[in-house]
Protein backbone atom coordinates (compact mmCIF):
# COMPACT_ATOMS: atom_id res chain seq x y z
CA MET A 1 138.25 -98.22 -237.24
CA LEU A 2 134.97 -100.17 -237.59
CA LYS A 3 136.43 -102.17 -240.48
CA LEU A 4 139.45 -103.00 -238.32
CA ALA A 5 137.22 -104.05 -235.41
CA GLU A 6 135.15 -106.17 -237.80
CA ALA A 7 138.28 -107.92 -239.09
CA ILE A 8 139.41 -108.66 -235.53
CA LEU A 9 136.03 -110.09 -234.48
CA ARG A 10 135.79 -112.28 -237.57
CA GLU A 11 138.88 -114.15 -236.33
CA TYR A 12 138.96 -113.77 -232.55
CA PRO A 13 136.30 -114.04 -229.83
CA LEU A 14 136.68 -110.94 -227.65
CA CYS A 15 134.63 -109.59 -224.77
CA ASP A 16 133.63 -105.92 -224.76
CA SER A 17 136.62 -104.95 -222.59
CA CYS A 18 139.23 -106.74 -224.67
CA LEU A 19 137.86 -105.37 -227.94
CA GLY A 20 137.59 -101.86 -226.53
CA ARG A 21 141.13 -102.08 -225.16
CA GLN A 22 142.51 -102.42 -228.70
CA PHE A 23 141.32 -98.81 -229.15
CA GLY A 24 141.85 -97.80 -225.52
CA ASN A 25 143.86 -94.67 -226.26
CA LEU A 26 141.08 -93.14 -228.37
CA LEU A 27 138.87 -90.67 -226.48
CA THR A 28 138.77 -90.27 -222.71
CA GLY A 29 135.98 -90.71 -220.20
CA LEU A 30 135.07 -94.18 -221.46
CA SER A 31 135.87 -97.58 -220.05
CA ASN A 32 137.18 -100.19 -222.46
CA SER A 33 134.00 -102.16 -221.88
CA GLU A 34 131.97 -99.14 -223.03
CA ARG A 35 134.24 -98.71 -226.06
CA GLY A 36 133.91 -102.36 -227.01
CA HIS A 37 130.13 -102.35 -226.58
CA ALA A 38 129.82 -99.17 -228.66
CA ILE A 39 131.93 -100.66 -231.47
CA LYS A 40 129.89 -103.88 -231.53
CA LEU A 41 126.64 -101.91 -231.42
CA SER A 42 127.75 -99.76 -234.37
CA LEU A 43 128.69 -102.85 -236.39
CA ALA A 44 125.38 -104.54 -235.54
CA MET A 45 123.32 -101.48 -236.47
CA GLU A 46 125.23 -101.03 -239.72
CA ALA A 47 124.70 -104.71 -240.60
CA HIS A 48 121.02 -104.62 -239.71
CA SER A 49 120.53 -101.51 -241.85
CA ARG A 50 121.76 -103.51 -244.88
CA MET A 51 119.45 -106.46 -244.29
CA ASP A 52 117.24 -105.63 -247.30
CA GLU A 53 120.04 -104.99 -249.80
CA ASP A 54 122.46 -107.77 -248.72
CA PRO A 55 120.82 -110.10 -246.18
CA GLU A 56 123.55 -112.76 -246.46
CA GLU A 57 126.36 -110.37 -245.44
CA ALA A 58 124.19 -108.75 -242.76
CA ILE A 59 123.43 -112.13 -241.18
CA GLU A 60 127.11 -113.11 -241.38
CA ILE A 61 128.16 -109.95 -239.48
CA LEU A 62 125.41 -110.36 -236.87
CA SER A 63 126.44 -114.02 -236.46
CA PHE A 64 130.12 -113.39 -235.66
CA LEU A 65 129.07 -110.51 -233.41
CA ALA A 66 126.91 -113.05 -231.56
CA TYR A 67 129.37 -115.95 -231.22
CA ASN A 68 132.67 -114.01 -231.26
CA GLY A 69 131.41 -110.90 -229.52
CA ALA A 70 128.67 -112.14 -227.14
CA HIS A 71 126.65 -109.18 -228.41
CA ILE A 72 123.13 -109.59 -227.01
CA PRO A 73 121.33 -107.29 -229.53
CA ALA A 74 122.90 -109.32 -232.38
CA VAL A 75 121.84 -112.59 -230.69
CA GLU A 76 118.27 -111.37 -230.19
CA SER A 77 117.99 -110.06 -233.76
CA LEU A 78 119.10 -113.41 -235.18
CA GLN A 79 116.76 -115.34 -232.90
CA LYS A 80 113.88 -113.13 -234.00
CA MET A 81 114.68 -114.17 -237.57
CA GLY A 82 114.60 -117.81 -236.50
CA ILE A 83 118.34 -118.25 -236.99
CA GLU A 84 120.12 -120.54 -234.56
CA VAL A 85 123.02 -118.83 -232.80
CA ARG A 86 126.27 -120.59 -231.91
CA PRO A 87 127.22 -120.08 -228.21
CA PHE A 88 129.83 -117.44 -227.41
CA GLU A 89 133.30 -118.85 -226.95
CA LYS A 90 135.51 -117.66 -224.11
CA CYS A 91 137.35 -114.41 -224.73
CA PHE A 92 140.60 -115.09 -226.57
CA LEU A 93 142.58 -112.74 -224.31
CA CYS A 94 141.09 -112.62 -220.80
CA ASN A 95 139.11 -115.87 -220.76
CA ASN A 96 136.06 -113.81 -219.65
CA PHE A 97 137.96 -112.53 -216.59
CA LEU A 98 137.15 -108.87 -217.27
CA SER A 99 133.42 -109.57 -217.18
CA ARG A 100 133.85 -110.61 -213.52
CA THR A 101 135.62 -107.55 -212.08
CA ARG A 102 133.07 -106.99 -209.30
CA GLU A 103 133.25 -110.64 -208.26
CA ILE A 104 137.08 -110.49 -208.24
CA ALA A 105 137.02 -107.26 -206.21
CA LYS A 106 134.82 -108.94 -203.60
CA LYS A 107 137.25 -111.86 -203.44
CA CYS A 108 140.11 -109.41 -202.87
CA LEU A 109 138.26 -107.76 -200.01
CA ASN A 110 137.33 -111.11 -198.50
CA ARG A 111 141.04 -111.98 -198.35
CA VAL A 112 141.69 -108.96 -196.10
CA LYS A 113 138.51 -108.98 -194.02
CA ASP A 114 140.57 -109.31 -190.82
CA TYR A 115 142.79 -106.31 -191.64
CA GLU A 116 142.08 -102.65 -191.09
CA PHE A 117 143.23 -100.52 -194.02
CA HIS A 118 142.57 -97.09 -195.45
CA THR A 119 144.40 -97.16 -198.78
CA PHE A 120 145.23 -99.83 -201.32
CA LEU A 121 146.77 -100.46 -204.72
CA VAL A 122 146.05 -103.11 -207.33
CA GLY A 123 148.74 -104.67 -209.48
CA ALA A 124 148.23 -107.28 -212.18
CA LYS A 125 150.13 -110.31 -213.34
CA VAL A 126 149.37 -112.26 -216.49
CA THR A 127 150.96 -115.32 -218.02
CA GLU A 128 153.42 -115.29 -220.88
CA GLU A 129 150.73 -116.99 -222.96
CA VAL A 130 148.33 -114.05 -222.54
CA LEU A 131 151.06 -111.51 -223.31
CA ASN A 132 151.96 -113.45 -226.46
CA LYS A 133 148.31 -113.49 -227.54
CA GLU A 134 148.08 -109.75 -227.02
CA GLU A 135 151.26 -109.25 -229.05
CA GLU A 136 149.91 -111.54 -231.79
CA LEU A 137 146.75 -109.45 -232.09
CA SER A 138 148.63 -106.15 -232.10
CA ARG A 139 151.12 -107.28 -234.73
CA LYS A 140 148.57 -108.96 -236.99
CA PHE A 141 146.27 -105.94 -237.18
CA SER A 142 148.90 -103.17 -236.73
CA LEU A 143 147.05 -101.78 -233.71
CA LYS A 144 148.22 -98.28 -232.78
CA PHE A 145 145.85 -97.26 -230.00
CA SER A 146 145.78 -100.34 -227.77
CA GLU A 147 146.32 -100.54 -224.02
CA SER A 148 147.89 -103.45 -222.13
CA ILE A 149 145.67 -105.97 -220.36
CA LYS A 150 147.69 -105.50 -217.14
CA SER A 151 146.80 -101.81 -217.04
CA GLU A 152 143.12 -102.55 -217.50
CA ILE A 153 143.00 -105.27 -214.84
CA SER A 154 144.71 -102.99 -212.30
CA ARG A 155 142.44 -100.05 -213.06
CA GLU A 156 139.10 -101.85 -213.29
CA ILE A 157 139.59 -104.06 -210.22
CA GLY A 158 140.81 -100.97 -208.35
CA LYS A 159 137.68 -99.03 -209.28
CA GLU A 160 135.45 -101.88 -208.08
CA ILE A 161 137.30 -102.22 -204.76
CA GLU A 162 137.02 -98.46 -204.31
CA ARG A 163 133.27 -98.55 -204.99
CA ILE A 164 132.57 -101.50 -202.69
CA SER A 165 134.85 -100.59 -199.77
CA GLY A 166 134.99 -96.80 -199.88
CA LYS A 167 138.79 -97.03 -199.48
CA GLY A 168 141.14 -94.90 -201.56
CA ILE A 169 143.84 -95.83 -204.06
CA ASP A 170 147.36 -94.75 -203.05
CA ARG A 171 150.14 -95.31 -205.56
CA GLU A 172 152.93 -94.23 -203.19
CA ASN A 173 152.25 -95.71 -199.74
CA PRO A 174 149.26 -98.09 -199.85
CA ASP A 175 148.35 -100.06 -196.74
CA ILE A 176 147.53 -103.13 -198.82
CA VAL A 177 148.53 -104.26 -202.32
CA PHE A 178 146.45 -106.77 -204.29
CA ILE A 179 148.29 -108.61 -207.07
CA VAL A 180 145.54 -109.94 -209.31
CA GLY A 181 146.10 -112.67 -211.88
CA LEU A 182 143.63 -114.35 -214.22
CA SER A 183 143.50 -117.37 -211.91
CA ASP A 184 144.72 -116.21 -208.49
CA ILE A 185 145.04 -113.28 -206.07
CA GLU A 186 148.06 -112.40 -203.95
CA VAL A 187 147.82 -109.98 -201.04
CA GLN A 188 150.66 -107.90 -199.65
CA ILE A 189 150.02 -106.33 -196.24
CA ASN A 190 152.37 -103.37 -196.05
CA PRO A 191 153.99 -102.45 -192.72
CA LEU A 192 152.86 -99.68 -190.41
CA TYR A 193 155.61 -97.17 -189.58
CA ILE A 194 155.76 -95.13 -186.37
CA TYR A 195 158.33 -92.39 -185.78
CA GLY A 196 159.53 -91.24 -182.38
CA ARG A 197 162.55 -90.73 -180.15
CA TYR A 198 163.68 -93.12 -177.45
CA ARG A 199 165.72 -92.66 -174.33
CA LYS A 200 167.70 -95.66 -173.11
CA LEU A 201 167.97 -95.17 -169.37
CA LYS A 202 169.84 -98.33 -168.44
CA ARG A 203 173.15 -99.71 -169.64
CA GLY A 204 173.44 -103.28 -170.86
CA ILE A 205 170.51 -103.17 -173.29
CA PRO A 206 171.26 -103.52 -177.04
CA GLN A 207 169.29 -101.46 -179.54
CA THR A 208 167.96 -104.47 -181.45
CA ARG A 209 167.47 -108.16 -180.74
CA TRP A 210 170.93 -109.75 -180.46
CA PRO A 211 171.13 -113.42 -181.54
CA CYS A 212 173.03 -115.76 -179.23
CA SER A 213 176.68 -115.92 -180.32
CA ASN A 214 176.78 -119.65 -179.61
CA CYS A 215 173.68 -120.91 -181.44
CA LYS A 216 173.15 -117.95 -183.82
CA GLY A 217 169.55 -117.54 -182.68
CA ARG A 218 168.43 -121.17 -182.89
CA GLY A 219 168.30 -121.66 -179.10
CA CYS A 220 170.71 -123.53 -176.83
CA GLU A 221 171.51 -124.16 -173.17
CA LEU A 222 173.81 -121.13 -172.96
CA CYS A 223 171.01 -118.70 -173.90
CA GLY A 224 168.29 -120.59 -172.03
CA TRP A 225 166.79 -121.65 -175.37
CA THR A 226 165.78 -118.06 -176.13
CA GLY A 227 168.14 -117.69 -179.08
CA LYS A 228 169.19 -114.31 -177.64
CA GLN A 229 172.49 -113.02 -176.30
CA TYR A 230 170.67 -110.53 -174.07
CA PRO A 231 167.21 -111.00 -172.55
CA GLU A 232 165.78 -107.75 -173.94
CA SER A 233 166.49 -104.91 -176.35
CA VAL A 234 165.18 -101.42 -177.07
CA GLU A 235 163.48 -102.91 -180.14
CA GLU A 236 161.64 -105.52 -178.07
CA LEU A 237 160.72 -103.18 -175.21
CA ILE A 238 159.16 -100.68 -177.64
CA GLY A 239 157.86 -103.33 -180.01
CA LYS A 240 155.92 -105.57 -177.61
CA PRO A 241 153.14 -103.05 -176.75
CA ALA A 242 153.04 -101.94 -180.40
CA LEU A 243 152.52 -105.52 -181.58
CA GLU A 244 149.77 -106.06 -179.03
CA MET A 245 147.93 -102.89 -180.05
CA THR A 246 148.23 -103.46 -183.81
CA LYS A 247 148.02 -107.28 -183.73
CA GLY A 248 151.04 -107.33 -186.03
CA LYS A 249 153.40 -110.23 -186.77
CA GLU A 250 156.79 -108.75 -185.90
CA VAL A 251 158.64 -105.47 -185.49
CA LYS A 252 161.88 -103.97 -186.70
CA LEU A 253 163.46 -100.87 -185.20
CA HIS A 254 165.28 -98.47 -187.54
CA GLY A 255 167.43 -96.04 -185.57
CA ALA A 256 169.22 -92.86 -186.57
CA GLY A 257 172.49 -94.52 -185.65
CA ARG A 258 172.93 -96.77 -182.64
CA GLU A 259 174.58 -96.56 -179.25
CA ASP A 260 176.81 -99.30 -177.83
CA ILE A 261 175.19 -101.70 -175.39
CA ASP A 262 176.98 -100.02 -172.43
CA VAL A 263 175.94 -96.50 -173.48
CA ARG A 264 172.80 -94.68 -172.34
CA THR A 265 170.80 -92.33 -174.58
CA LEU A 266 169.35 -89.46 -172.57
CA GLY A 267 168.19 -85.89 -173.26
CA SER A 268 166.00 -85.52 -176.34
CA GLY A 269 166.48 -89.19 -177.23
CA ARG A 270 167.45 -90.99 -180.43
CA PRO A 271 165.17 -90.72 -183.49
CA PHE A 272 163.79 -94.06 -184.62
CA ILE A 273 161.09 -95.58 -186.80
CA LEU A 274 159.34 -98.74 -185.69
CA GLU A 275 158.27 -100.96 -188.58
CA ILE A 276 155.32 -103.20 -187.68
CA LYS A 277 154.84 -106.02 -190.15
CA LYS A 278 151.38 -107.29 -191.16
CA PRO A 279 149.37 -105.17 -188.69
CA LYS A 280 145.69 -106.01 -188.40
CA LEU A 281 144.94 -102.64 -186.79
CA ARG A 282 146.40 -99.36 -188.04
CA LYS A 283 144.34 -96.60 -186.51
CA ILE A 284 145.79 -96.90 -183.02
CA ASN A 285 146.04 -94.25 -180.32
CA LEU A 286 149.72 -93.27 -180.30
CA GLY A 287 149.32 -91.40 -177.02
CA GLU A 288 148.11 -94.61 -175.41
CA LEU A 289 150.96 -96.57 -177.01
CA GLU A 290 153.49 -94.07 -175.65
CA LYS A 291 152.04 -94.44 -172.13
CA ARG A 292 152.12 -98.23 -172.32
CA ILE A 293 155.74 -98.37 -173.49
CA ASN A 294 156.90 -95.93 -170.82
CA SER A 295 154.97 -97.74 -168.09
CA GLU A 296 155.99 -101.29 -169.04
CA SER A 297 159.66 -100.35 -169.62
CA LYS A 298 159.98 -97.93 -166.70
CA GLY A 299 163.60 -97.32 -165.76
CA LYS A 300 164.84 -98.98 -168.96
CA VAL A 301 163.43 -97.24 -172.03
CA GLU A 302 161.00 -94.42 -172.66
CA VAL A 303 159.67 -92.91 -175.88
CA LEU A 304 158.35 -89.49 -176.85
CA GLY A 305 156.84 -87.71 -179.84
CA LEU A 306 155.26 -90.73 -181.53
CA ARG A 307 153.64 -90.09 -184.91
CA PHE A 308 152.78 -92.13 -187.98
CA SER A 309 155.53 -92.32 -190.58
CA SER A 310 156.35 -94.00 -193.90
CA LYS A 311 158.89 -96.29 -195.53
CA SER A 312 160.52 -93.34 -197.30
CA GLU A 313 161.29 -91.69 -193.95
CA VAL A 314 163.24 -94.77 -192.82
CA LYS A 315 165.82 -94.10 -195.49
CA LYS A 316 165.93 -90.40 -194.60
CA ILE A 317 166.69 -90.86 -190.89
CA LYS A 318 169.40 -93.40 -191.71
CA GLU A 319 171.06 -91.08 -194.22
CA LYS A 320 170.73 -87.80 -192.31
CA ARG A 321 173.96 -86.42 -190.92
CA GLY A 322 173.69 -84.54 -187.68
CA ARG A 323 175.46 -83.40 -184.56
CA LYS A 324 175.62 -85.12 -181.20
CA ARG A 325 176.41 -84.16 -177.65
CA TYR A 326 177.96 -86.73 -175.33
CA ARG A 327 178.82 -86.99 -171.66
CA VAL A 328 182.00 -88.99 -171.12
CA VAL A 329 183.64 -90.09 -167.88
CA PHE A 330 187.32 -90.84 -168.52
CA LYS A 331 190.33 -92.00 -166.53
CA LEU A 332 194.04 -91.27 -166.97
CA ASP A 333 196.93 -93.42 -165.76
CA ARG A 334 197.95 -90.42 -163.63
CA GLU A 335 196.31 -87.49 -161.87
CA ILE A 336 194.65 -84.90 -164.10
CA LYS A 337 196.49 -81.56 -164.00
CA GLU A 338 195.20 -78.04 -164.55
CA GLU A 339 197.05 -77.71 -167.86
CA ASP A 340 195.39 -80.94 -169.09
CA LEU A 341 192.00 -79.24 -169.01
CA GLU A 342 193.08 -76.54 -171.45
CA LYS A 343 194.63 -79.12 -173.78
CA LEU A 344 191.42 -81.14 -173.86
CA GLU A 345 189.19 -78.11 -174.37
CA ASN A 346 191.40 -77.08 -177.30
CA LEU A 347 190.97 -80.51 -178.91
CA LYS A 348 188.70 -79.27 -181.72
CA GLY A 349 188.54 -79.61 -185.47
CA ARG A 350 188.98 -82.62 -187.76
CA ILE A 351 189.61 -86.01 -186.19
CA LEU A 352 191.01 -88.80 -188.37
CA GLN A 353 189.70 -92.21 -187.38
CA ARG A 354 190.42 -95.65 -188.71
CA THR A 355 187.70 -98.24 -188.04
CA PRO A 356 188.03 -99.09 -184.31
CA THR A 357 189.67 -102.37 -183.39
CA ARG A 358 186.60 -103.39 -181.36
CA VAL A 359 184.29 -103.35 -184.41
CA LEU A 360 186.70 -104.62 -187.09
CA HIS A 361 185.03 -108.04 -187.02
CA ARG A 362 181.84 -106.54 -188.45
CA ARG A 363 182.88 -103.36 -190.28
CA ALA A 364 185.25 -102.56 -193.14
CA ASP A 365 188.69 -101.27 -192.18
CA LYS A 366 188.70 -97.72 -193.54
CA PHE A 367 189.53 -94.12 -192.62
CA ARG A 368 187.01 -91.40 -191.86
CA GLU A 369 187.15 -87.79 -190.74
CA ARG A 370 184.74 -86.26 -188.26
CA GLU A 371 184.56 -82.85 -186.62
CA VAL A 372 184.77 -82.04 -182.91
CA TYR A 373 183.11 -78.68 -182.26
CA GLU A 374 183.53 -78.30 -178.52
CA ILE A 375 184.83 -80.10 -175.43
CA VAL A 376 183.92 -78.80 -171.98
CA ILE A 377 185.41 -80.34 -168.82
CA LYS A 378 182.63 -80.55 -166.24
CA GLU A 379 184.36 -82.17 -163.26
CA VAL A 380 187.72 -83.61 -162.18
CA LYS A 381 188.51 -85.90 -159.23
CA GLY A 382 192.04 -87.22 -159.09
CA ASN A 383 192.66 -89.18 -162.28
CA VAL A 384 188.97 -89.26 -163.30
CA GLY A 385 187.28 -86.51 -165.29
CA GLU A 386 183.89 -85.80 -166.80
CA ALA A 387 183.52 -83.96 -170.11
CA GLU A 388 180.82 -82.96 -172.57
CA ILE A 389 181.73 -83.42 -176.21
CA TYR A 390 179.81 -81.72 -179.02
CA CYS A 391 180.70 -83.31 -182.35
CA GLU A 392 179.67 -84.45 -185.79
CA GLY A 393 177.57 -87.61 -185.97
CA GLY A 394 179.53 -90.76 -186.69
CA LEU A 395 182.49 -89.92 -184.43
CA TYR A 396 183.71 -92.86 -182.34
CA VAL A 397 183.87 -91.11 -178.96
CA LYS A 398 185.43 -93.98 -177.00
CA GLU A 399 188.33 -93.95 -179.46
CA LEU A 400 188.57 -90.14 -179.29
CA VAL A 401 189.40 -90.75 -175.63
CA SER A 402 191.68 -93.80 -175.90
CA GLY A 403 193.27 -93.19 -179.30
CA ASP A 404 192.86 -96.91 -180.09
CA ASN A 405 196.63 -97.41 -180.36
CA GLY A 406 196.99 -94.56 -182.81
CA ARG A 407 194.03 -95.45 -185.04
CA THR A 408 192.30 -92.22 -183.91
CA THR A 409 194.28 -88.98 -184.04
CA PRO A 410 194.34 -86.62 -182.26
CA SER A 411 192.90 -88.15 -179.08
CA PHE A 412 192.84 -87.56 -175.32
CA THR A 413 195.74 -90.03 -174.99
CA GLU A 414 197.76 -88.26 -177.68
CA VAL A 415 197.33 -84.65 -176.53
CA LEU A 416 197.87 -85.49 -172.84
CA GLY A 417 200.75 -87.89 -173.41
CA SER A 418 199.12 -90.33 -170.97
CA LYS A 419 196.89 -93.33 -171.45
CA ALA A 420 193.21 -92.32 -171.31
CA GLU A 421 190.29 -94.71 -170.96
CA CYS A 422 186.54 -94.19 -171.36
CA LEU A 423 184.69 -95.37 -168.24
CA GLU A 424 181.15 -94.19 -169.05
CA LEU A 425 179.48 -92.72 -172.10
CA ASP A 426 176.03 -91.17 -172.48
CA VAL A 427 174.37 -89.61 -175.50
CA LEU A 428 172.84 -86.32 -174.34
CA ASP A 429 171.44 -84.91 -177.57
CA ILE A 430 171.07 -85.84 -181.24
CA GLU A 431 170.44 -83.07 -183.75
CA LEU A 432 169.40 -84.21 -187.23
CA GLU A 433 169.40 -82.03 -190.33
CA GLY A 434 165.93 -80.65 -191.00
CA GLU A 435 164.57 -81.33 -187.49
């Protein structure tokens, strides 16, 4: 191994880290800088021990250790002999970058001085030129135990940031990601995720910000230059206090499904995760946030059960299948009879639905089957009735009532033989798998 290291240093100027990295998979508990220093020290000591028997070769080895290895003991030994030492050239691979890891770590932390964070991760990017140089070295000397420069940059800068800041490395859900290159630093501020359930108490409020249909969000006279079709949304009502408390840039609401704009969500509420982008504060009081949202949106929206969440949970709540309970007020084109109640309460089992006509402009035209578990008629007055429907998530309840011209079967319209229409719809409960 020492002969191999000697051959490398005769041709290439390498810092301790880059030399040590060529043998990085030998032994554990050492940094590559320590490996490289130990190898150079061994070569220098071996050369110095042969000074009496072969001074010319000994001086030659000490010389390339000095100018190709920046090895201080070799430099000092040569100077003591009165031999002039050529200055160390820049490291062939890292351009002396790995000798400045503490300085780079401080620069990383300075870039995020305005952001609160508890965990971080360091990634590395290097140019094609550096990767080609590394490949050249590996191929030329048939190196079997080397480690990539990207791995070392990530690890060593990470260790320095950890030492300086006291923050921890998190490879799964870091608050901040530093992408470190040999000449620049990129910073990625990861979002803050908050889980909860919301109740929508007022009709006419969309779940998320709805761009103006005329200007597509750019702003025009029709929307009062707001760029919005509706003045507010559940997303904005929940998001505004959250942005103020976290000093974030923007929010995005991820719901476990969504209700129509004219539908209320009551009872236990709809599960959601609020994604807050580029938050400057993360350790916020969720109890205080809950109070602020419920106070500022009184009579419109309220939230409950707020807790911190993660990106992985967003996918889970969107994919989870569950059961839902609805309250529906419906109207027939005739008076509701006693026998109609039994027919409706027997409307259970699989319902075949083709994508409703009202959403065809934004959804694929396809068939789906959903289960109705129970229908209970709560009240009847003339041709208007109120029912509770317990069903599988994803059922289009308005179309279960109307039949949508035969696109949903069976339906209230079909089993009663009379045209049925949904007047009001409320979500009373949402049960998700695993909750």
